[in-house]
N, C-alpha and C. Protein backbone atom coordinates (compact mmCIF):
# COMPACT_ATOMS: atom_id res chain seq x y z
N MET A 1 0.86 -1.16 0.00
CA MET A 1 0.00 0.00 0.00
C MET A 1 0.91 1.23 0.00
N ASP A 2 0.74 2.07 -1.01
CA ASP A 2 1.57 3.27 -1.09
C ASP A 2 0.91 4.44 -0.39
N THR A 3 1.56 5.59 -0.43
CA THR A 3 1.10 6.77 0.31
C THR A 3 -0.26 7.25 -0.16
N THR A 4 -0.51 7.22 -1.44
CA THR A 4 -1.79 7.71 -1.97
C THR A 4 -2.95 6.85 -1.47
N GLN A 5 -2.77 5.55 -1.49
CA GLN A 5 -3.83 4.67 -1.00
C GLN A 5 -4.05 4.84 0.50
N LEU A 6 -2.98 5.04 1.24
CA LEU A 6 -3.09 5.24 2.68
C LEU A 6 -3.84 6.54 2.99
N GLN A 7 -3.52 7.60 2.25
CA GLN A 7 -4.23 8.87 2.44
C GLN A 7 -5.71 8.74 2.08
N GLY A 8 -6.00 7.99 1.03
CA GLY A 8 -7.39 7.76 0.65
C GLY A 8 -8.14 6.99 1.72
N LEU A 9 -7.48 5.99 2.28
CA LEU A 9 -8.09 5.21 3.36
C LEU A 9 -8.34 6.06 4.59
N ILE A 10 -7.37 6.89 4.97
CA ILE A 10 -7.52 7.76 6.13
C ILE A 10 -8.64 8.78 5.89
N GLY A 11 -8.71 9.32 4.69
CA GLY A 11 -9.78 10.27 4.36
C GLY A 11 -11.15 9.62 4.42
N THR A 12 -11.25 8.40 3.89
CA THR A 12 -12.52 7.68 3.92
C THR A 12 -12.95 7.38 5.35
N LEU A 13 -12.01 6.93 6.16
CA LEU A 13 -12.33 6.65 7.56
C LEU A 13 -12.73 7.92 8.31
N ALA A 14 -12.07 9.04 7.99
CA ALA A 14 -12.42 10.30 8.63
C ALA A 14 -13.85 10.72 8.26
N VAL A 15 -14.20 10.59 7.00
CA VAL A 15 -15.55 10.96 6.55
C VAL A 15 -16.59 10.05 7.20
N LEU A 16 -16.31 8.74 7.25
CA LEU A 16 -17.26 7.82 7.88
C LEU A 16 -17.39 8.10 9.38
N GLY A 17 -16.29 8.47 10.02
CA GLY A 17 -16.34 8.82 11.44
C GLY A 17 -17.18 10.06 11.69
N LEU A 18 -17.00 11.08 10.86
CA LEU A 18 -17.80 12.30 11.01
C LEU A 18 -19.28 12.03 10.72
N LEU A 19 -19.54 11.19 9.72
CA LEU A 19 -20.93 10.82 9.42
C LEU A 19 -21.58 10.12 10.61
N ALA A 20 -20.84 9.23 11.24
CA ALA A 20 -21.37 8.54 12.42
C ALA A 20 -21.65 9.52 13.55
N LEU A 21 -20.76 10.51 13.74
CA LEU A 21 -20.99 11.50 14.79
C LEU A 21 -22.22 12.36 14.52
N VAL A 22 -22.51 12.60 13.26
CA VAL A 22 -23.68 13.43 12.91
C VAL A 22 -24.96 12.61 13.00
N VAL A 23 -24.93 11.36 12.58
CA VAL A 23 -26.14 10.54 12.50
C VAL A 23 -26.51 9.92 13.84
N LEU A 24 -25.54 9.64 14.69
CA LEU A 24 -25.79 8.96 15.95
C LEU A 24 -26.81 9.66 16.85
N PRO A 25 -26.74 10.99 17.05
CA PRO A 25 -27.77 11.63 17.89
C PRO A 25 -29.19 11.50 17.33
N ALA A 26 -29.30 11.52 16.01
CA ALA A 26 -30.63 11.37 15.41
C ALA A 26 -31.18 9.97 15.66
N ILE A 27 -30.33 8.96 15.55
CA ILE A 27 -30.77 7.59 15.79
C ILE A 27 -31.16 7.41 17.25
N VAL A 28 -30.38 7.97 18.16
CA VAL A 28 -30.70 7.88 19.58
C VAL A 28 -32.04 8.57 19.85
N GLY A 29 -32.29 9.71 19.22
CA GLY A 29 -33.56 10.42 19.40
C GLY A 29 -34.75 9.62 18.90
N VAL A 30 -34.60 8.97 17.76
CA VAL A 30 -35.69 8.16 17.21
C VAL A 30 -36.00 6.99 18.14
N VAL A 31 -34.96 6.34 18.64
CA VAL A 31 -35.17 5.21 19.56
C VAL A 31 -35.87 5.70 20.84
N HIS A 32 -35.47 6.86 21.34
CA HIS A 32 -36.08 7.42 22.54
C HIS A 32 -37.56 7.74 22.30
N ASP A 33 -37.87 8.34 21.15
CA ASP A 33 -39.26 8.67 20.82
C ASP A 33 -40.11 7.41 20.70
N ARG A 34 -39.57 6.37 20.10
CA ARG A 34 -40.34 5.13 19.97
C ARG A 34 -40.63 4.51 21.33
N ARG A 35 -39.66 4.60 22.25
CA ARG A 35 -39.88 4.07 23.60
C ARG A 35 -40.99 4.85 24.30
N ILE A 36 -40.98 6.16 24.17
CA ILE A 36 -42.02 6.99 24.78
C ILE A 36 -43.38 6.67 24.16
N ASP A 37 -43.43 6.49 22.84
CA ASP A 37 -44.69 6.14 22.18
C ASP A 37 -45.24 4.82 22.71
N ARG A 38 -44.36 3.83 22.91
CA ARG A 38 -44.82 2.55 23.45
C ARG A 38 -45.36 2.72 24.87
N GLN A 39 -44.71 3.56 25.67
CA GLN A 39 -45.19 3.80 27.04
C GLN A 39 -46.55 4.48 27.02
N LEU A 40 -46.74 5.44 26.13
CA LEU A 40 -48.03 6.13 26.04
C LEU A 40 -49.14 5.17 25.57
N GLN A 41 -48.82 4.32 24.61
CA GLN A 41 -49.82 3.35 24.15
C GLN A 41 -50.19 2.38 25.26
N ARG A 42 -49.20 1.92 26.02
CA ARG A 42 -49.47 1.00 27.12
C ARG A 42 -50.34 1.67 28.18
N ALA A 43 -50.06 2.94 28.48
CA ALA A 43 -50.85 3.66 29.48
C ALA A 43 -52.29 3.85 28.99
N ALA A 44 -52.46 4.14 27.71
CA ALA A 44 -53.81 4.30 27.17
C ALA A 44 -54.58 2.98 27.22
N GLN A 45 -53.91 1.89 26.91
CA GLN A 45 -54.57 0.58 26.99
C GLN A 45 -54.97 0.25 28.41
N GLU A 46 -54.10 0.54 29.36
CA GLU A 46 -54.43 0.28 30.76
C GLU A 46 -55.59 1.14 31.22
N ARG A 47 -55.62 2.40 30.78
CA ARG A 47 -56.73 3.30 31.15
C ARG A 47 -58.04 2.78 30.58
N ARG A 48 -58.02 2.31 29.31
CA ARG A 48 -59.24 1.77 28.72
C ARG A 48 -59.70 0.52 29.45
N ALA A 49 -58.74 -0.32 29.85
CA ALA A 49 -59.10 -1.55 30.56
C ALA A 49 -59.74 -1.23 31.90
N VAL A 50 -59.22 -0.23 32.60
CA VAL A 50 -59.79 0.16 33.90
C VAL A 50 -61.20 0.72 33.71
N GLN A 51 -61.39 1.52 32.68
CA GLN A 51 -62.72 2.09 32.44
C GLN A 51 -63.73 1.02 32.06
N GLU A 52 -63.29 0.01 31.32
CA GLU A 52 -64.21 -1.06 30.94
C GLU A 52 -64.60 -1.92 32.13
N ARG A 53 -63.70 -2.03 33.12
CA ARG A 53 -64.00 -2.83 34.30
C ARG A 53 -64.97 -2.14 35.25
N ARG A 54 -65.03 -0.81 35.18
CA ARG A 54 -65.94 -0.10 36.08
C ARG A 54 -67.38 -0.43 35.72
N ALA A 55 -68.23 -0.41 36.70
CA ALA A 55 -69.65 -0.71 36.47
C ALA A 55 -70.29 0.42 35.65
N PRO A 56 -71.30 0.11 34.86
CA PRO A 56 -71.97 1.15 34.05
C PRO A 56 -72.57 2.26 34.92
N GLN A 57 -73.04 1.91 36.13
CA GLN A 57 -73.62 2.95 36.99
C GLN A 57 -72.55 3.95 37.41
N GLU A 58 -71.37 3.47 37.70
CA GLU A 58 -70.31 4.36 38.11
C GLU A 58 -69.89 5.27 36.96
N ARG A 59 -69.91 4.74 35.75
CA ARG A 59 -69.55 5.56 34.59
C ARG A 59 -70.57 6.68 34.40
N GLN A 60 -71.86 6.38 34.61
CA GLN A 60 -72.89 7.40 34.44
C GLN A 60 -72.83 8.42 35.56
N ALA A 61 -72.42 8.03 36.74
CA ALA A 61 -72.40 8.93 37.87
C ALA A 61 -71.17 9.84 37.85
N ALA A 62 -70.22 9.57 37.00
CA ALA A 62 -69.00 10.38 36.95
C ALA A 62 -69.36 11.80 36.50
N PRO A 63 -68.76 12.81 37.11
CA PRO A 63 -69.06 14.19 36.74
C PRO A 63 -68.54 14.50 35.34
N SER A 64 -69.24 15.36 34.69
CA SER A 64 -68.85 15.79 33.36
C SER A 64 -67.74 16.81 33.47
N HIS A 65 -66.79 16.73 32.59
CA HIS A 65 -65.68 17.68 32.58
C HIS A 65 -65.90 18.82 31.59
N ARG A 66 -67.06 18.85 30.97
CA ARG A 66 -67.33 19.87 29.98
C ARG A 66 -67.73 21.21 30.60
N PHE A 67 -68.26 21.18 31.80
CA PHE A 67 -68.79 22.39 32.39
C PHE A 67 -67.83 22.95 33.44
N ALA A 68 -67.76 24.24 33.50
CA ALA A 68 -66.88 24.89 34.48
C ALA A 68 -67.52 24.81 35.86
N ARG A 69 -66.69 24.87 36.87
CA ARG A 69 -67.19 24.87 38.24
C ARG A 69 -67.90 26.18 38.53
N PRO A 70 -68.96 26.14 39.35
CA PRO A 70 -69.63 27.40 39.70
C PRO A 70 -68.71 28.28 40.55
N ALA A 71 -68.81 29.55 40.33
CA ALA A 71 -67.93 30.50 41.05
C ALA A 71 -68.41 30.79 42.43
C-alpha cells in the first residue's frame, strides 16, 4: 500500500467517522421517541381496561368535565 492509497483510506475513515458522529444523535432520538410512544400506548390501553371494568352505573355517575365549576 503506497502513500496515496493510505491517504485515501484515512480520508474515507475520517468521513465515515464524522458521518457517524452526525447521524448517531438522530438515531438515539428516534429510539427514545419510539420508547415513549410505546409507554403512552401502554398507558392508554391500561386506562381503557380500567374504564371497561368499572360498572356502568359508576360511569354514568361520573361528573362531566365539559362544564366549568360554579364561582
